[in-house]
N, C-alpha and C. Protein backbone atom coordinates (compact mmCIF):
# COMPACT_ATOMS: atom_id res chain seq x y z
N MET A 1 0.80 -1.20 0.00
CA MET A 1 0.00 0.00 0.00
C MET A 1 0.85 1.26 0.00
N GLY A 2 1.97 1.24 0.64
CA GLY A 2 2.83 2.41 0.64
C GLY A 2 2.63 3.30 1.84
N THR A 3 1.39 3.68 2.16
CA THR A 3 1.17 4.54 3.32
C THR A 3 0.40 3.77 4.38
N GLU A 4 0.80 3.99 5.61
CA GLU A 4 0.15 3.31 6.72
C GLU A 4 -1.02 4.14 7.22
N ALA A 5 -2.10 3.49 7.59
CA ALA A 5 -3.28 4.20 8.12
C ALA A 5 -2.89 4.92 9.41
N PRO A 6 -3.49 6.10 9.66
CA PRO A 6 -3.21 6.77 10.93
C PRO A 6 -3.44 5.81 12.08
N LEU A 7 -2.63 5.97 13.12
CA LEU A 7 -2.52 4.98 14.18
C LEU A 7 -3.83 4.44 14.73
N LEU A 8 -4.74 5.28 15.15
CA LEU A 8 -5.95 4.78 15.78
C LEU A 8 -7.12 4.61 14.81
N GLU A 9 -6.86 4.74 13.52
CA GLU A 9 -7.92 4.49 12.55
C GLU A 9 -8.06 3.00 12.25
N LEU A 10 -7.08 2.22 12.65
CA LEU A 10 -7.18 0.78 12.49
C LEU A 10 -8.09 0.26 13.60
N ASP A 11 -9.17 -0.42 13.22
CA ASP A 11 -10.17 -0.87 14.21
C ASP A 11 -9.56 -1.72 15.32
N THR A 12 -8.71 -2.65 14.94
CA THR A 12 -8.10 -3.54 15.94
C THR A 12 -7.27 -2.74 16.93
N ARG A 13 -6.46 -1.85 16.43
CA ARG A 13 -5.60 -1.04 17.30
C ARG A 13 -6.43 -0.14 18.20
N LYS A 14 -7.48 0.42 17.64
CA LYS A 14 -8.36 1.30 18.40
C LYS A 14 -9.04 0.52 19.53
N ARG A 15 -9.49 -0.70 19.24
CA ARG A 15 -10.13 -1.54 20.27
C ARG A 15 -9.15 -1.85 21.40
N ILE A 16 -7.90 -2.15 21.04
CA ILE A 16 -6.88 -2.45 22.04
C ILE A 16 -6.61 -1.22 22.89
N TYR A 17 -6.45 -0.07 22.26
CA TYR A 17 -6.20 1.17 22.99
C TYR A 17 -7.37 1.49 23.94
N GLN A 18 -8.59 1.41 23.45
CA GLN A 18 -9.76 1.70 24.29
C GLN A 18 -9.85 0.72 25.45
N TYR A 19 -9.48 -0.53 25.21
CA TYR A 19 -9.48 -1.52 26.29
C TYR A 19 -8.49 -1.11 27.37
N ILE A 20 -7.30 -0.69 26.98
CA ILE A 20 -6.26 -0.29 27.95
C ILE A 20 -6.69 0.95 28.72
N VAL A 21 -7.34 1.89 28.06
CA VAL A 21 -7.85 3.08 28.76
C VAL A 21 -8.85 2.66 29.84
N SER A 22 -9.70 1.71 29.53
CA SER A 22 -10.72 1.24 30.47
C SER A 22 -10.19 0.25 31.49
N ASN A 23 -9.10 -0.41 31.17
CA ASN A 23 -8.55 -1.47 32.03
C ASN A 23 -7.05 -1.27 32.24
N PRO A 24 -6.65 -0.16 32.84
CA PRO A 24 -5.22 0.09 33.01
C PRO A 24 -4.56 -1.02 33.84
N GLY A 25 -3.38 -1.42 33.41
CA GLY A 25 -2.65 -2.45 34.13
C GLY A 25 -2.92 -3.86 33.62
N ALA A 26 -3.70 -3.98 32.55
CA ALA A 26 -3.96 -5.31 31.98
C ALA A 26 -2.70 -5.81 31.30
N HIS A 27 -2.50 -7.12 31.31
CA HIS A 27 -1.33 -7.70 30.65
C HIS A 27 -1.75 -8.31 29.31
N LEU A 28 -0.76 -8.66 28.51
CA LEU A 28 -0.96 -9.12 27.13
C LEU A 28 -2.02 -10.22 27.02
N ARG A 29 -1.89 -11.29 27.78
CA ARG A 29 -2.83 -12.41 27.66
C ARG A 29 -4.25 -12.01 28.04
N LYS A 30 -4.38 -11.16 29.05
CA LYS A 30 -5.72 -10.72 29.47
C LYS A 30 -6.36 -9.88 28.36
N ILE A 31 -5.57 -8.99 27.76
CA ILE A 31 -6.09 -8.17 26.67
C ILE A 31 -6.56 -9.07 25.52
N ALA A 32 -5.70 -10.01 25.13
CA ALA A 32 -6.04 -10.91 24.02
C ALA A 32 -7.28 -11.74 24.35
N ARG A 33 -7.33 -12.27 25.56
CA ARG A 33 -8.48 -13.10 25.96
C ARG A 33 -9.77 -12.29 25.99
N ASP A 34 -9.74 -11.12 26.64
CA ASP A 34 -10.95 -10.32 26.78
C ASP A 34 -11.45 -9.76 25.45
N LEU A 35 -10.53 -9.47 24.54
CA LEU A 35 -10.93 -8.94 23.23
C LEU A 35 -11.11 -10.06 22.20
N ASN A 36 -10.86 -11.29 22.62
CA ASN A 36 -10.99 -12.45 21.74
C ASN A 36 -10.14 -12.27 20.47
N MET A 37 -8.87 -11.91 20.70
CA MET A 37 -7.93 -11.70 19.59
C MET A 37 -6.74 -12.63 19.75
N ASN A 38 -6.10 -12.90 18.64
CA ASN A 38 -4.88 -13.69 18.62
C ASN A 38 -3.78 -12.95 19.38
N LEU A 39 -3.00 -13.70 20.17
CA LEU A 39 -1.93 -13.12 20.98
C LEU A 39 -0.93 -12.33 20.12
N GLY A 40 -0.54 -12.89 18.99
CA GLY A 40 0.42 -12.23 18.11
C GLY A 40 -0.11 -10.92 17.55
N VAL A 41 -1.39 -10.88 17.23
CA VAL A 41 -2.01 -9.65 16.71
C VAL A 41 -1.98 -8.57 17.78
N VAL A 42 -2.36 -8.93 19.00
CA VAL A 42 -2.38 -7.96 20.10
C VAL A 42 -0.96 -7.46 20.37
N GLU A 43 -0.01 -8.37 20.39
CA GLU A 43 1.39 -8.00 20.63
C GLU A 43 1.88 -7.01 19.56
N TYR A 44 1.57 -7.27 18.32
CA TYR A 44 1.96 -6.40 17.21
C TYR A 44 1.41 -4.98 17.41
N HIS A 45 0.13 -4.89 17.71
CA HIS A 45 -0.50 -3.57 17.86
C HIS A 45 -0.03 -2.86 19.13
N LEU A 46 0.25 -3.61 20.19
CA LEU A 46 0.78 -2.99 21.40
C LEU A 46 2.15 -2.36 21.14
N ARG A 47 2.99 -3.05 20.36
CA ARG A 47 4.30 -2.48 20.02
C ARG A 47 4.13 -1.17 19.25
N ALA A 48 3.18 -1.14 18.33
CA ALA A 48 2.94 0.09 17.55
C ALA A 48 2.42 1.20 18.46
N LEU A 49 1.53 0.87 19.38
CA LEU A 49 0.99 1.87 20.31
C LEU A 49 2.08 2.40 21.24
N GLU A 50 2.98 1.51 21.67
CA GLU A 50 4.10 1.94 22.51
C GLU A 50 5.07 2.81 21.71
N ARG A 51 5.38 2.39 20.51
CA ARG A 51 6.31 3.14 19.66
C ARG A 51 5.83 4.57 19.45
N ASP A 52 4.53 4.74 19.32
CA ASP A 52 3.97 6.07 19.09
C ASP A 52 3.52 6.76 20.38
N ASP A 53 3.99 6.24 21.51
CA ASP A 53 3.76 6.86 22.82
C ASP A 53 2.29 7.00 23.20
N LEU A 54 1.45 6.10 22.74
CA LEU A 54 0.05 6.12 23.16
C LEU A 54 -0.18 5.23 24.37
N VAL A 55 0.63 4.18 24.49
CA VAL A 55 0.59 3.34 25.68
C VAL A 55 2.01 3.12 26.18
N VAL A 56 2.08 2.78 27.45
CA VAL A 56 3.38 2.46 28.05
C VAL A 56 3.25 1.08 28.70
N GLY A 57 4.26 0.25 28.48
CA GLY A 57 4.30 -1.07 29.10
C GLY A 57 5.31 -1.07 30.23
N ARG A 58 4.92 -1.66 31.35
CA ARG A 58 5.82 -1.73 32.51
C ARG A 58 5.95 -3.18 32.96
N GLU A 59 7.20 -3.59 33.18
CA GLU A 59 7.45 -4.94 33.70
C GLU A 59 7.10 -4.92 35.18
N GLU A 60 6.16 -5.76 35.57
CA GLU A 60 5.75 -5.84 36.97
C GLU A 60 5.62 -7.30 37.34
N GLY A 61 6.65 -7.81 38.00
CA GLY A 61 6.66 -9.23 38.34
C GLY A 61 6.80 -10.05 37.07
N ARG A 62 5.92 -11.02 36.91
CA ARG A 62 5.98 -11.91 35.75
C ARG A 62 5.28 -11.32 34.53
N TYR A 63 4.63 -10.20 34.69
CA TYR A 63 3.82 -9.64 33.61
C TYR A 63 4.33 -8.29 33.13
N ARG A 64 4.03 -8.00 31.90
CA ARG A 64 4.23 -6.65 31.35
C ARG A 64 2.83 -6.06 31.28
N ARG A 65 2.60 -5.02 32.06
CA ARG A 65 1.27 -4.41 32.15
C ARG A 65 1.26 -3.12 31.34
N PHE A 66 0.09 -2.83 30.75
CA PHE A 66 -0.02 -1.71 29.83
C PHE A 66 -0.96 -0.64 30.36
N TYR A 67 -0.57 0.62 30.13
CA TYR A 67 -1.32 1.78 30.58
C TYR A 67 -1.38 2.79 29.43
N ALA A 68 -2.48 3.50 29.33
CA ALA A 68 -2.58 4.57 28.34
C ALA A 68 -1.68 5.71 28.82
N GLU A 69 -0.84 6.19 27.94
CA GLU A 69 0.11 7.25 28.30
C GLU A 69 -0.61 8.49 28.79
N GLY A 70 -0.19 8.99 29.94
CA GLY A 70 -0.74 10.22 30.49
C GLY A 70 -2.08 10.08 31.17
N LYS A 71 -2.65 8.89 31.21
CA LYS A 71 -3.98 8.70 31.82
C LYS A 71 -3.88 8.30 33.29
N VAL A 72 -2.81 7.59 33.67
CA VAL A 72 -2.68 7.07 35.03
C VAL A 72 -1.32 7.47 35.57
N GLY A 73 -1.30 8.07 36.76
CA GLY A 73 -0.04 8.48 37.39
C GLY A 73 0.79 7.28 37.81
N SER A 74 2.08 7.50 38.06
CA SER A 74 2.97 6.38 38.37
C SER A 74 2.60 5.69 39.68
N GLU A 75 2.17 6.43 40.69
CA GLU A 75 1.76 5.81 41.95
C GLU A 75 0.49 4.99 41.76
N ASP A 76 -0.43 5.50 40.96
CA ASP A 76 -1.66 4.75 40.68
C ASP A 76 -1.36 3.50 39.86
N LYS A 77 -0.36 3.56 38.97
CA LYS A 77 0.02 2.38 38.19
C LYS A 77 0.48 1.26 39.11
N LYS A 78 1.29 1.62 40.11
CA LYS A 78 1.77 0.61 41.06
C LYS A 78 0.59 -0.03 41.79
N LEU A 79 -0.32 0.81 42.26
CA LEU A 79 -1.47 0.30 43.01
C LEU A 79 -2.40 -0.52 42.13
N LEU A 80 -2.66 -0.06 40.91
CA LEU A 80 -3.51 -0.82 39.99
C LEU A 80 -2.90 -2.18 39.67
N SER A 81 -1.59 -2.22 39.52
CA SER A 81 -0.92 -3.49 39.26
C SER A 81 -1.18 -4.47 40.39
N LEU A 82 -1.13 -3.99 41.63
CA LEU A 82 -1.39 -4.85 42.78
C LEU A 82 -2.86 -5.25 42.84
N LEU A 83 -3.74 -4.32 42.52
CA LEU A 83 -5.18 -4.63 42.56
C LEU A 83 -5.57 -5.64 41.48
N ARG A 84 -4.75 -5.82 40.46
CA ARG A 84 -5.04 -6.79 39.41
C ARG A 84 -4.61 -8.21 39.81
N GLN A 85 -3.92 -8.33 40.96
CA GLN A 85 -3.48 -9.63 41.45
C GLN A 85 -4.42 -10.07 42.58
N GLU A 86 -4.84 -11.32 42.53
CA GLU A 86 -5.90 -11.79 43.43
C GLU A 86 -5.58 -11.65 44.92
N VAL A 87 -4.44 -12.15 45.38
CA VAL A 87 -4.14 -12.11 46.82
C VAL A 87 -3.94 -10.67 47.30
N PRO A 88 -3.11 -9.86 46.64
CA PRO A 88 -3.00 -8.47 47.11
C PRO A 88 -4.35 -7.73 47.10
N ARG A 89 -5.19 -8.02 46.10
CA ARG A 89 -6.51 -7.37 46.05
C ARG A 89 -7.35 -7.77 47.26
N ARG A 90 -7.35 -9.07 47.60
CA ARG A 90 -8.11 -9.53 48.78
C ARG A 90 -7.60 -8.87 50.05
N VAL A 91 -6.27 -8.78 50.18
CA VAL A 91 -5.67 -8.15 51.36
C VAL A 91 -6.09 -6.69 51.44
N ILE A 92 -5.96 -5.98 50.34
CA ILE A 92 -6.31 -4.55 50.30
C ILE A 92 -7.79 -4.34 50.61
N LEU A 93 -8.66 -5.15 50.02
CA LEU A 93 -10.10 -5.00 50.25
C LEU A 93 -10.46 -5.29 51.70
N HIS A 94 -9.81 -6.29 52.30
CA HIS A 94 -10.09 -6.61 53.71
C HIS A 94 -9.68 -5.44 54.61
N ILE A 95 -8.50 -4.89 54.37
CA ILE A 95 -8.04 -3.76 55.18
C ILE A 95 -8.94 -2.55 54.94
N LEU A 96 -9.34 -2.34 53.72
CA LEU A 96 -10.23 -1.22 53.39
C LEU A 96 -11.54 -1.33 54.16
N GLN A 97 -12.03 -2.54 54.27
CA GLN A 97 -13.29 -2.78 54.98
C GLN A 97 -13.12 -2.65 56.49
N GLU A 98 -12.02 -3.16 57.03
CA GLU A 98 -11.82 -3.21 58.48
C GLU A 98 -11.05 -2.02 59.04
N GLY A 99 -10.35 -1.28 58.21
CA GLY A 99 -9.53 -0.17 58.70
C GLY A 99 -8.09 -0.59 58.95
N GLU A 100 -7.92 -1.73 59.61
CA GLU A 100 -6.62 -2.33 59.82
C GLU A 100 -6.85 -3.80 60.16
N ALA A 101 -5.80 -4.60 60.06
CA ALA A 101 -5.95 -6.03 60.35
C ALA A 101 -4.60 -6.60 60.73
N THR A 102 -4.63 -7.65 61.54
CA THR A 102 -3.39 -8.34 61.87
C THR A 102 -3.02 -9.26 60.71
N ALA A 103 -1.76 -9.66 60.71
CA ALA A 103 -1.30 -10.57 59.65
C ALA A 103 -2.09 -11.87 59.68
N GLY A 104 -2.40 -12.36 60.86
CA GLY A 104 -3.18 -13.59 60.98
C GLY A 104 -4.57 -13.44 60.37
N GLU A 105 -5.22 -12.31 60.66
CA GLU A 105 -6.55 -12.06 60.09
C GLU A 105 -6.49 -11.97 58.57
N LEU A 106 -5.44 -11.33 58.07
CA LEU A 106 -5.30 -11.18 56.62
C LEU A 106 -5.05 -12.52 55.94
N ALA A 107 -4.23 -13.37 56.57
CA ALA A 107 -3.96 -14.69 55.99
C ALA A 107 -5.26 -15.49 55.92
N GLU A 108 -6.04 -15.44 56.99
CA GLU A 108 -7.31 -16.17 57.01
C GLU A 108 -8.30 -15.61 55.99
N ALA A 109 -8.44 -14.29 55.96
CA ALA A 109 -9.38 -13.65 55.03
C ALA A 109 -8.97 -13.87 53.57
N SER A 110 -7.68 -13.97 53.32
CA SER A 110 -7.18 -14.15 51.95
C SER A 110 -7.08 -15.60 51.55
N GLY A 111 -7.18 -16.49 52.52
CA GLY A 111 -7.09 -17.92 52.22
C GLY A 111 -5.71 -18.37 51.82
N VAL A 112 -4.67 -17.73 52.40
CA VAL A 112 -3.30 -18.10 52.08
C VAL A 112 -2.52 -18.40 53.36
N SER A 113 -1.38 -19.03 53.20
CA SER A 113 -0.53 -19.34 54.35
C SER A 113 0.16 -18.07 54.84
N ALA A 114 0.72 -18.15 56.04
CA ALA A 114 1.45 -17.00 56.61
C ALA A 114 2.62 -16.62 55.71
N GLY A 115 3.32 -17.62 55.17
CA GLY A 115 4.46 -17.35 54.30
C GLY A 115 4.06 -16.64 53.01
N THR A 116 2.96 -17.09 52.42
CA THR A 116 2.46 -16.45 51.20
C THR A 116 2.02 -15.03 51.50
N LEU A 117 1.35 -14.84 52.63
CA LEU A 117 0.92 -13.49 53.01
C LEU A 117 2.13 -12.57 53.18
N THR A 118 3.18 -13.07 53.85
CA THR A 118 4.39 -12.26 54.05
C THR A 118 4.96 -11.82 52.72
N PHE A 119 5.01 -12.73 51.74
CA PHE A 119 5.49 -12.39 50.40
C PHE A 119 4.69 -11.23 49.81
N HIS A 120 3.37 -11.32 49.90
CA HIS A 120 2.51 -10.28 49.31
C HIS A 120 2.57 -8.98 50.11
N LEU A 121 2.68 -9.07 51.43
CA LEU A 121 2.80 -7.86 52.25
C LEU A 121 4.08 -7.10 51.91
N LYS A 122 5.15 -7.83 51.64
CA LYS A 122 6.41 -7.17 51.25
C LYS A 122 6.21 -6.39 49.95
N LYS A 123 5.51 -7.00 48.99
CA LYS A 123 5.22 -6.30 47.72
C LYS A 123 4.38 -5.06 47.97
N LEU A 124 3.35 -5.20 48.80
CA LEU A 124 2.45 -4.08 49.09
C LEU A 124 3.19 -2.96 49.81
N LYS A 125 4.07 -3.34 50.73
CA LYS A 125 4.84 -2.34 51.48
C LYS A 125 5.84 -1.63 50.56
N LYS A 126 6.52 -2.40 49.72
CA LYS A 126 7.50 -1.83 48.78
C LYS A 126 6.83 -0.82 47.84
N ALA A 127 5.59 -1.12 47.44
CA ALA A 127 4.85 -0.23 46.54
C ALA A 127 4.25 0.97 47.29
N GLY A 128 4.38 0.97 48.62
CA GLY A 128 3.84 2.08 49.40
C GLY A 128 2.34 1.99 49.63
N ALA A 129 1.76 0.82 49.41
CA ALA A 129 0.31 0.66 49.56
C ALA A 129 -0.09 0.43 51.01
N VAL A 130 0.79 -0.22 51.79
CA VAL A 130 0.47 -0.50 53.19
C VAL A 130 1.63 -0.11 54.09
N GLU A 131 1.29 0.03 55.37
CA GLU A 131 2.32 0.18 56.39
C GLU A 131 2.05 -0.89 57.44
N VAL A 132 3.13 -1.44 57.98
CA VAL A 132 3.02 -2.52 58.96
C VAL A 132 3.60 -2.02 60.27
N GLU A 133 2.81 -2.18 61.33
CA GLU A 133 3.22 -1.73 62.66
C GLU A 133 3.28 -2.94 63.58
N LYS A 134 4.32 -3.03 64.37
CA LYS A 134 4.46 -4.12 65.33
C LYS A 134 3.78 -3.69 66.62
N ARG A 135 2.81 -4.49 67.09
CA ARG A 135 2.14 -4.26 68.37
C ARG A 135 2.29 -5.52 69.20
N GLY A 136 3.23 -5.49 70.10
CA GLY A 136 3.51 -6.70 70.87
C GLY A 136 4.01 -7.77 69.93
N ARG A 137 3.30 -8.90 69.91
CA ARG A 137 3.69 -10.00 69.04
C ARG A 137 2.94 -9.97 67.71
N GLN A 138 2.06 -9.02 67.54
CA GLN A 138 1.24 -8.93 66.33
C GLN A 138 1.82 -7.92 65.34
N ARG A 139 1.61 -8.19 64.06
CA ARG A 139 1.89 -7.21 63.01
C ARG A 139 0.53 -6.69 62.55
N VAL A 140 0.34 -5.37 62.67
CA VAL A 140 -0.93 -4.76 62.26
C VAL A 140 -0.68 -4.00 60.96
N VAL A 141 -1.55 -4.23 59.99
CA VAL A 141 -1.38 -3.68 58.65
C VAL A 141 -2.48 -2.67 58.37
N ARG A 142 -2.09 -1.52 57.82
CA ARG A 142 -3.02 -0.45 57.43
C ARG A 142 -2.68 0.01 56.02
N LEU A 143 -3.68 0.53 55.32
CA LEU A 143 -3.43 1.14 54.01
C LEU A 143 -2.83 2.52 54.24
N THR A 144 -1.87 2.90 53.42
CA THR A 144 -1.28 4.23 53.57
C THR A 144 -2.22 5.31 53.05
N ASP A 145 -3.03 5.00 52.06
CA ASP A 145 -3.96 5.98 51.50
C ASP A 145 -5.26 5.29 51.08
N PRO A 146 -6.14 4.99 52.05
CA PRO A 146 -7.37 4.26 51.72
C PRO A 146 -8.28 4.99 50.72
N ARG A 147 -8.28 6.31 50.74
CA ARG A 147 -9.14 7.06 49.82
C ARG A 147 -8.67 6.88 48.37
N ARG A 148 -7.37 6.82 48.18
CA ARG A 148 -6.85 6.61 46.83
C ARG A 148 -7.23 5.22 46.32
N VAL A 149 -7.13 4.22 47.20
CA VAL A 149 -7.53 2.85 46.84
C VAL A 149 -9.00 2.84 46.45
N ALA A 150 -9.84 3.46 47.28
CA ALA A 150 -11.28 3.51 47.00
C ALA A 150 -11.55 4.21 45.67
N ARG A 151 -10.85 5.31 45.42
CA ARG A 151 -11.04 6.06 44.17
C ARG A 151 -10.71 5.19 42.96
N LEU A 152 -9.59 4.46 43.02
CA LEU A 152 -9.20 3.61 41.89
C LEU A 152 -10.18 2.46 41.69
N LEU A 153 -10.65 1.87 42.79
CA LEU A 153 -11.63 0.79 42.66
C LEU A 153 -12.91 1.28 42.01
N ILE A 154 -13.33 2.48 42.39
CA ILE A 154 -14.57 3.03 41.83
C ILE A 154 -14.37 3.46 40.37
N MET A 155 -13.25 4.13 40.10
CA MET A 155 -12.98 4.59 38.73
C MET A 155 -12.91 3.44 37.73
N TYR A 156 -12.30 2.34 38.15
CA TYR A 156 -12.07 1.23 37.23
C TYR A 156 -12.87 -0.01 37.61
N LYS A 157 -14.02 0.19 38.27
CA LYS A 157 -14.82 -0.95 38.76
C LYS A 157 -15.20 -1.91 37.64
N GLU A 158 -15.44 -1.40 36.44
CA GLU A 158 -15.84 -2.27 35.33
C GLU A 158 -14.72 -3.23 34.93
N SER A 159 -13.47 -2.89 35.24
CA SER A 159 -12.36 -3.74 34.82
C SER A 159 -12.04 -4.84 35.83
N PHE A 160 -12.71 -4.81 37.00
CA PHE A 160 -12.52 -5.86 37.99
C PHE A 160 -13.74 -6.77 37.96
N THR A 161 -13.52 -8.07 37.88
CA THR A 161 -14.63 -9.02 37.85
C THR A 161 -14.86 -9.65 39.22
N ASP A 162 -14.26 -9.08 40.23
CA ASP A 162 -14.29 -9.61 41.58
C ASP A 162 -15.57 -9.17 42.30
N THR A 163 -16.28 -10.11 42.92
CA THR A 163 -17.50 -9.76 43.65
C THR A 163 -17.19 -8.91 44.87
N LEU A 164 -16.00 -9.06 45.45
CA LEU A 164 -15.62 -8.21 46.58
C LEU A 164 -15.52 -6.75 46.15
N VAL A 165 -14.97 -6.51 44.97
CA VAL A 165 -14.87 -5.14 44.46
C VAL A 165 -16.27 -4.60 44.21
N GLU A 166 -17.12 -5.39 43.58
CA GLU A 166 -18.50 -4.95 43.32
C GLU A 166 -19.21 -4.60 44.62
N SER A 167 -19.04 -5.44 45.63
CA SER A 167 -19.68 -5.22 46.93
C SER A 167 -19.18 -3.93 47.57
N PHE A 168 -17.86 -3.70 47.52
CA PHE A 168 -17.29 -2.48 48.09
C PHE A 168 -17.83 -1.24 47.38
N VAL A 169 -17.81 -1.25 46.06
CA VAL A 169 -18.26 -0.09 45.28
C VAL A 169 -19.74 0.17 45.54
N SER A 170 -20.55 -0.88 45.59
CA SER A 170 -21.99 -0.71 45.87
C SER A 170 -22.21 -0.06 47.23
N THR A 171 -21.50 -0.55 48.24
CA THR A 171 -21.63 0.02 49.59
C THR A 171 -21.21 1.48 49.59
N TRP A 172 -20.09 1.78 48.96
CA TRP A 172 -19.57 3.15 48.90
C TRP A 172 -20.60 4.07 48.26
N GLU A 173 -21.18 3.62 47.14
CA GLU A 173 -22.16 4.44 46.43
C GLU A 173 -23.46 4.58 47.22
N GLU A 174 -23.90 3.51 47.90
CA GLU A 174 -25.13 3.57 48.71
C GLU A 174 -24.99 4.57 49.85
N LEU A 175 -23.79 4.63 50.42
CA LEU A 175 -23.55 5.57 51.52
C LEU A 175 -23.37 7.00 51.01
N GLY A 176 -23.24 7.15 49.71
CA GLY A 176 -23.09 8.48 49.11
C GLY A 176 -21.77 9.14 49.48
N LEU A 177 -20.73 8.33 49.71
CA LEU A 177 -19.44 8.87 50.11
C LEU A 177 -18.79 9.58 48.93
N LYS A 178 -18.08 10.65 49.23
CA LYS A 178 -17.41 11.46 48.21
C LYS A 178 -15.92 11.53 48.51
N PHE A 179 -15.16 11.92 47.53
CA PHE A 179 -13.73 12.12 47.70
C PHE A 179 -13.46 13.57 48.02
N PRO A 180 -12.38 13.84 48.78
CA PRO A 180 -12.06 15.24 49.11
C PRO A 180 -11.69 16.05 47.89
């Protein structure tokens, strides 16, 4: 053909971009699965979107997560990445509901062993999502910014398929709570 179509005029690329705007922090396989597209096709278009600075990919653990450029701040990207993982999301939602929780309570509520919880708490602490305080023999965990967590859950509620997230957002909206 000689000339390439303008970047977002390609339907496939536009669908991928719109998906990332609505689902920040999604990884390649999730994007391909949710859009019912071939992995190679999605990968090709993601490279083009990154090359033209419309999306940014960040290596986070085992996944490369994608965000629309300029739509999500770097601190929110870290938190969204954690919220996309099942155990950290359960931990965060439990603390959000209770205000604070001991490590034992979090392990039970999350359905994981103490060792697994410790692994995830280290990730959450490193990302600045939680703070851990020693009280006697107990470790008490609190969110560093619960309002920011609530805001992200509400803003991107459609991108979470978790019933805990739906329940939290419904309660928040029923109470008519607002952000400062």
